[in-house]
PDB file of N, CA and C in Angstrom:
ATOM      1  N   MET A   1       0.852  -1.233  -0.075  1.00  0.00           N
ATOM      2  CA  MET A   1      -0.121   0.209   0.097  1.00  0.00           C
ATOM      3  C   MET A   1       0.941   1.289  -0.071  1.00  0.00           C
ATOM      4  N   THR A   2       0.455   2.265  -0.782  1.00  0.00           N
ATOM      5  CA  THR A   2       1.320   3.284  -0.690  1.00  0.00           C
ATOM      6  C   THR A   2       0.897   4.308   0.632  1.00  0.00           C
ATOM      7  N   LYS A   3       2.037   4.854   0.914  1.00  0.00           N
ATOM      8  CA  LYS A   3       1.933   5.683   2.035  1.00  0.00           C
ATOM      9  C   LYS A   3       1.466   6.952   1.543  1.00  0.00           C
ATOM     10  N   ILE A   4       0.722   7.634   2.336  1.00  0.00           N
ATOM     11  CA  ILE A   4       0.014   8.899   2.069  1.00  0.00           C
ATOM     12  C   ILE A   4       0.512   9.882   2.855  1.00  0.00           C
ATOM     13  N   ASN A   5       1.128  11.072   2.599  1.00  0.00           N
ATOM     14  CA  ASN A   5       1.716  12.096   3.271  1.00  0.00           C
ATOM     15  C   ASN A   5       0.431  13.181   3.573  1.00  0.00           C
ATOM     16  N   GLN A   6       0.295  14.174   4.528  1.00  0.00           N
ATOM     17  CA  GLN A   6      -0.602  15.248   5.003  1.00  0.00           C
ATOM     18  C   GLN A   6      -0.666  15.915   3.307  1.00  0.00           C
ATOM     19  N   LYS A   7       0.378  16.219   2.397  1.00  0.00           N
ATOM     20  CA  LYS A   7       0.056  17.185   1.480  1.00  0.00           C
ATOM     21  C   LYS A   7      -0.723  16.402   0.503  1.00  0.00           C
ATOM     22  N   THR A   8      -0.319  15.171   0.264  1.00  0.00           N
ATOM     23  CA  THR A   8      -1.285  14.458  -0.793  1.00  0.00           C
ATOM     24  C   THR A   8      -2.628  14.157  -0.125  1.00  0.00           C
ATOM     25  N   MET A   9      -2.637  13.814   1.100  1.00  0.00           N
ATOM     26  CA  MET A   9      -4.055  13.709   1.709  1.00  0.00           C
ATOM     27  C   MET A   9      -4.851  15.123   1.517  1.00  0.00           C
ATOM     28  N   ASP A  10      -4.632  16.113   1.613  1.00  0.00           N
ATOM     29  CA  ASP A  10      -5.024  17.492   1.545  1.00  0.00           C
ATOM     30  C   ASP A  10      -5.686  17.591  -0.090  1.00  0.00           C
ATOM     31  N   ALA A  11      -4.937  17.098  -0.925  1.00  0.00           N
ATOM     32  CA  ALA A  11      -5.126  17.272  -2.204  1.00  0.00           C
ATOM     33  C   ALA A  11      -6.165  16.269  -2.419  1.00  0.00           C
ATOM     34  N   ILE A  12      -6.002  15.084  -2.319  1.00  0.00           N
ATOM     35  CA  ILE A  12      -7.431  13.871  -2.262  1.00  0.00           C
ATOM     36  C   ILE A  12      -8.466  14.705  -1.625  1.00  0.00           C
ATOM     37  N   SER A  13      -8.428  14.992  -0.341  1.00  0.00           N
ATOM     38  CA  SER A  13      -9.657  15.432   0.182  1.00  0.00           C
ATOM     39  C   SER A  13     -10.637  16.474  -0.620  1.00  0.00           C
ATOM     40  N   VAL A  14      -9.973  17.454  -1.304  1.00  0.00           N
ATOM     41  CA  VAL A  14     -10.591  17.987  -2.321  1.00  0.00           C
ATOM     42  C   VAL A  14     -11.714  17.581  -3.382  1.00  0.00           C
ATOM     43  N   TYR A  15     -11.364  16.210  -3.833  1.00  0.00           N
ATOM     44  CA  TYR A  15     -12.239  15.401  -4.385  1.00  0.00           C
ATOM     45  C   TYR A  15     -13.393  14.625  -3.992  1.00  0.00           C
ATOM     46  N   MET A  16     -13.149  14.527  -2.179  1.00  0.00           N
ATOM     47  CA  MET A  16     -14.158  13.885  -1.584  1.00  0.00           C
ATOM     48  C   MET A  16     -15.303  14.530  -1.715  1.00  0.00           C
ATOM     49  N   ASP A  17     -16.488  13.739  -1.360  1.00  0.00           N
ATOM     50  CA  ASP A  17     -17.805  14.136  -1.134  1.00  0.00           C
ATOM     51  C   ASP A  17     -17.704  14.627   0.140  1.00  0.00           C
ATOM     52  N   ASP A  18     -18.222  16.434   0.548  1.00  0.00           N
ATOM     53  CA  ASP A  18     -18.096  16.384   1.938  1.00  0.00           C
ATOM     54  C   ASP A  18     -18.896  16.082   3.245  1.00  0.00           C
ATOM     55  N   ASP A  19     -19.992  15.475   2.683  1.00  0.00           N
ATOM     56  CA  ASP A  19     -20.812  14.756   3.632  1.00  0.00           C
ATOM     57  C   ASP A  19     -20.111  13.283   4.115  1.00  0.00           C
ATOM     58  N   LYS A  20     -19.442  12.609   3.258  1.00  0.00           N
ATOM     59  CA  LYS A  20     -18.756  11.235   3.298  1.00  0.00           C
ATOM     60  C   LYS A  20     -17.645  11.544   4.395  1.00  0.00           C
ATOM     61  N   ARG A  21     -16.716  12.839   3.515  1.00  0.00           N
ATOM     62  CA  ARG A  21     -15.588  12.895   4.352  1.00  0.00           C
ATOM     63  C   ARG A  21     -15.627  13.187   5.744  1.00  0.00           C
ATOM     64  N   GLU A  22     -16.885  14.047   6.169  1.00  0.00           N
ATOM     65  CA  GLU A  22     -16.980  14.674   7.307  1.00  0.00           C
ATOM     66  C   GLU A  22     -17.399  13.369   8.398  1.00  0.00           C
ATOM     67  N   LYS A  23     -18.269  12.348   7.664  1.00  0.00           N
ATOM     68  CA  LYS A  23     -18.539  11.302   8.477  1.00  0.00           C
ATOM     69  C   LYS A  23     -17.557  10.534   8.964  1.00  0.00           C
ATOM     70  N   VAL A  24     -16.383  10.253   7.888  1.00  0.00           N
ATOM     71  CA  VAL A  24     -15.158   9.366   8.415  1.00  0.00           C
ATOM     72  C   VAL A  24     -14.467  10.206   9.372  1.00  0.00           C
ATOM     73  N   HIS A  25     -14.240  11.421   9.255  1.00  0.00           N
ATOM     74  CA  HIS A  25     -13.482  12.152  10.385  1.00  0.00           C
ATOM     75  C   HIS A  25     -14.287  12.082  11.788  1.00  0.00           C
ATOM     76  N   PHE A  26     -15.562  12.261  11.594  1.00  0.00           N
ATOM     77  CA  PHE A  26     -16.320  11.902  12.855  1.00  0.00           C
ATOM     78  C   PHE A  26     -15.939  10.622  13.637  1.00  0.00           C
ATOM     79  N   GLU A  27     -15.981   9.516  12.569  1.00  0.00           N
ATOM     80  CA  GLU A  27     -15.903   8.219  12.996  1.00  0.00           C
ATOM     81  C   GLU A  27     -14.436   7.947  13.613  1.00  0.00           C
ATOM     82  N   LEU A  28     -13.499   8.369  13.149  1.00  0.00           N
ATOM     83  CA  LEU A  28     -12.074   7.795  13.119  1.00  0.00           C
ATOM     84  C   LEU A  28     -11.115   8.757  13.473  1.00  0.00           C
ATOM     85  N   ALA A  29     -11.174  10.144  13.227  1.00  0.00           N
ATOM     86  CA  ALA A  29     -10.407  11.049  13.711  1.00  0.00           C
ATOM     87  C   ALA A  29      -9.819  10.974  14.899  1.00  0.00           C
ATOM     88  N   PRO A  30      -8.464  11.138  15.483  1.00  0.00           N
ATOM     89  CA  PRO A  30      -7.102  11.121  14.599  1.00  0.00           C
ATOM     90  C   PRO A  30      -6.764   9.763  14.352  1.00  0.00           C
ATOM     91  N   CYS A  31      -6.496   9.496  13.016  1.00  0.00           N
ATOM     92  CA  CYS A  31      -6.372   8.295  12.403  1.00  0.00           C
ATOM     93  C   CYS A  31      -5.082   8.755  11.200  1.00  0.00           C
ATOM     94  N   THR A  32      -4.835   7.432  10.843  1.00  0.00           N
ATOM     95  CA  THR A  32      -3.674   7.569   9.520  1.00  0.00           C
ATOM     96  C   THR A  32      -4.508   7.996   8.216  1.00  0.00           C
ATOM     97  N   PRO A  33      -3.893   8.532   7.321  1.00  0.00           N
ATOM     98  CA  PRO A  33      -4.534   8.945   6.036  1.00  0.00           C
ATOM     99  C   PRO A  33      -4.752   7.579   5.460  1.00  0.00           C
ATOM    100  N   GLU A  34      -4.338   6.445   5.420  1.00  0.00           N
ATOM    101  CA  GLU A  34      -4.444   5.212   4.867  1.00  0.00           C
ATOM    102  C   GLU A  34      -6.050   4.712   5.266  1.00  0.00           C
ATOM    103  N   ALA A  35      -6.136   4.636   6.694  1.00  0.00           N
ATOM    104  CA  ALA A  35      -6.946   4.030   7.471  1.00  0.00           C
ATOM    105  C   ALA A  35      -8.562   4.894   7.415  1.00  0.00           C
ATOM    106  N   PHE A  36      -8.017   6.366   6.739  1.00  0.00           N
ATOM    107  CA  PHE A  36      -9.068   7.400   6.612  1.00  0.00           C
ATOM    108  C   PHE A  36      -9.562   6.901   5.273  1.00  0.00           C
ATOM    109  N   ILE A  37      -8.563   6.816   4.156  1.00  0.00           N
ATOM    110  CA  ILE A  37      -9.192   6.495   3.009  1.00  0.00           C
ATOM    111  C   ILE A  37      -9.893   4.988   2.796  1.00  0.00           C
ATOM    112  N   ARG A  38      -9.527   4.095   3.725  1.00  0.00           N
ATOM    113  CA  ARG A  38     -10.131   2.785   3.508  1.00  0.00           C
ATOM    114  C   ARG A  38     -11.591   2.700   3.950  1.00  0.00           C
ATOM    115  N   ARG A  39     -11.696   3.648   4.948  1.00  0.00           N
ATOM    116  CA  ARG A  39     -13.120   3.853   5.518  1.00  0.00           C
ATOM    117  C   ARG A  39     -13.852   4.739   4.612  1.00  0.00           C
ATOM    118  N   TYR A  40     -13.328   5.540   4.076  1.00  0.00           N
ATOM    119  CA  TYR A  40     -14.016   6.761   2.961  1.00  0.00           C
ATOM    120  C   TYR A  40     -14.472   5.780   1.704  1.00  0.00           C
ATOM    121  N   LEU A  41     -13.546   4.610   1.299  1.00  0.00           N
ATOM    122  CA  LEU A  41     -13.723   3.754   0.196  1.00  0.00           C
ATOM    123  C   LEU A  41     -15.029   2.920   0.469  1.00  0.00           C
ATOM    124  N   GLU A  42     -15.300   2.605   1.628  1.00  0.00           N
ATOM    125  CA  GLU A  42     -16.372   1.653   2.061  1.00  0.00           C
ATOM    126  C   GLU A  42     -17.795   2.625   1.805  1.00  0.00           C
ATOM    127  N   LEU A  43     -17.607   3.725   2.090  1.00  0.00           N
ATOM    128  CA  LEU A  43     -18.619   4.623   1.583  1.00  0.00           C
ATOM    129  C   LEU A  43     -18.931   5.180   0.284  1.00  0.00           C
ATOM    130  N   ASP A  44     -17.549   5.054  -0.500  1.00  0.00           N
ATOM    131  CA  ASP A  44     -17.751   5.701  -1.942  1.00  0.00           C
ATOM    132  C   ASP A  44     -16.859   4.783  -2.714  1.00  0.00           C
ATOM    133  N   PRO A  45     -17.225   3.424  -3.067  1.00  0.00           N
ATOM    134  CA  PRO A  45     -16.149   2.582  -3.526  1.00  0.00           C
ATOM    135  C   PRO A  45     -15.503   3.044  -4.930  1.00  0.00           C
ATOM    136  N   GLY A  46     -16.453   3.890  -5.537  1.00  0.00           N
ATOM    137  CA  GLY A  46     -16.021   4.422  -6.887  1.00  0.00           C
ATOM    138  C   GLY A  46     -14.956   5.511  -6.714  1.00  0.00           C
ATOM    139  N   PHE A  47     -14.620   5.740  -5.568  1.00  0.00           N
ATOM    140  CA  PHE A  47     -13.390   6.688  -5.453  1.00  0.00           C
ATOM    141  C   PHE A  47     -12.109   6.323  -5.894  1.00  0.00           C
ATOM    142  N   LYS A  48     -12.323   4.970  -5.805  1.00  0.00           N
ATOM    143  CA  LYS A  48     -10.791   4.132  -5.998  1.00  0.00           C
ATOM    144  C   LYS A  48     -10.406   4.701  -7.611  1.00  0.00           C
ATOM    145  N   ASN A  49     -11.238   4.785  -8.450  1.00  0.00           N
ATOM    146  CA  ASN A  49     -11.131   5.362  -9.782  1.00  0.00           C
ATOM    147  C   ASN A  49     -10.322   6.690  -9.657  1.00  0.00           C
ATOM    148  N   VAL A  50     -10.883   7.776  -8.816  1.00  0.00           N
ATOM    149  CA  VAL A  50     -10.137   9.258  -8.649  1.00  0.00           C
ATOM    150  C   VAL A  50      -8.601   8.918  -8.034  1.00  0.00           C
ATOM    151  N   LEU A  51      -8.690   7.955  -7.084  1.00  0.00           N
ATOM    152  CA  LEU A  51      -7.220   7.878  -6.357  1.00  0.00           C
ATOM    153  C   LEU A  51      -6.242   7.521  -7.614  1.00  0.00           C
ATOM    154  N   LYS A  52      -6.565   6.429  -8.329  1.00  0.00           N
ATOM    155  CA  LYS A  52      -5.785   5.891  -9.465  1.00  0.00           C
ATOM    156  C   LYS A  52      -5.749   6.496 -10.744  1.00  0.00           C
ATOM    157  N   SER A  53      -6.783   7.667 -10.928  1.00  0.00           N
ATOM    158  CA  SER A  53      -6.487   8.515 -11.947  1.00  0.00           C
ATOM    159  C   SER A  53      -5.740   9.893 -11.899  1.00  0.00           C
ATOM    160  N   GLU A  54      -6.182  10.380 -10.540  1.00  0.00           N
ATOM    161  CA  GLU A  54      -5.551  11.719 -10.295  1.00  0.00           C
ATOM    162  C   GLU A  54      -4.049  11.475  -9.349  1.00  0.00           C
ATOM    163  N   PHE A  55      -4.321  10.454  -8.645  1.00  0.00           N
ATOM    164  CA  PHE A  55      -2.947  10.300  -7.858  1.00  0.00           C
ATOM    165  C   PHE A  55      -1.874   9.248  -8.062  1.00  0.00           C
ATOM    166  N   ASP A  56      -2.549   8.407  -9.110  1.00  0.00           N
ATOM    167  CA  ASP A  56      -1.830   7.155  -9.053  1.00  0.00           C
ATOM    168  C   ASP A  56      -1.485   6.176  -7.742  1.00  0.00           C
ATOM    169  N   ILE A  57      -2.768   6.219  -7.006  1.00  0.00           N
ATOM    170  CA  ILE A  57      -2.829   5.462  -5.986  1.00  0.00           C
ATOM    171  C   ILE A  57      -3.765   4.417  -6.268  1.00  0.00           C
ATOM    172  N   ASP A  58      -3.175   2.956  -5.823  1.00  0.00           N
ATOM    173  CA  ASP A  58      -4.289   1.878  -5.759  1.00  0.00           C
ATOM    174  C   ASP A  58      -4.493   1.466  -4.311  1.00  0.00           C
ATOM    175  N   PHE A  59      -5.573   1.213  -4.260  1.00  0.00           N
ATOM    176  CA  PHE A  59      -6.036   0.655  -2.787  1.00  0.00           C
ATOM    177  C   PHE A  59      -6.786  -0.570  -3.026  1.00  0.00           C
TER     178      PHE A  59
END
């Protein structure tokens, strides 16, 4: 799995649905970016396509 730094996570978060992102934040924060994205993908599985196409990240 790709390690995601805070700068990359900040860029990724711009592409996320606000309500889903806030839900995950409420459930998990503080947590690692990888844990955050794993949970977010449970709510929005299609977001894998954004991660791959925009950031070359496979989950």
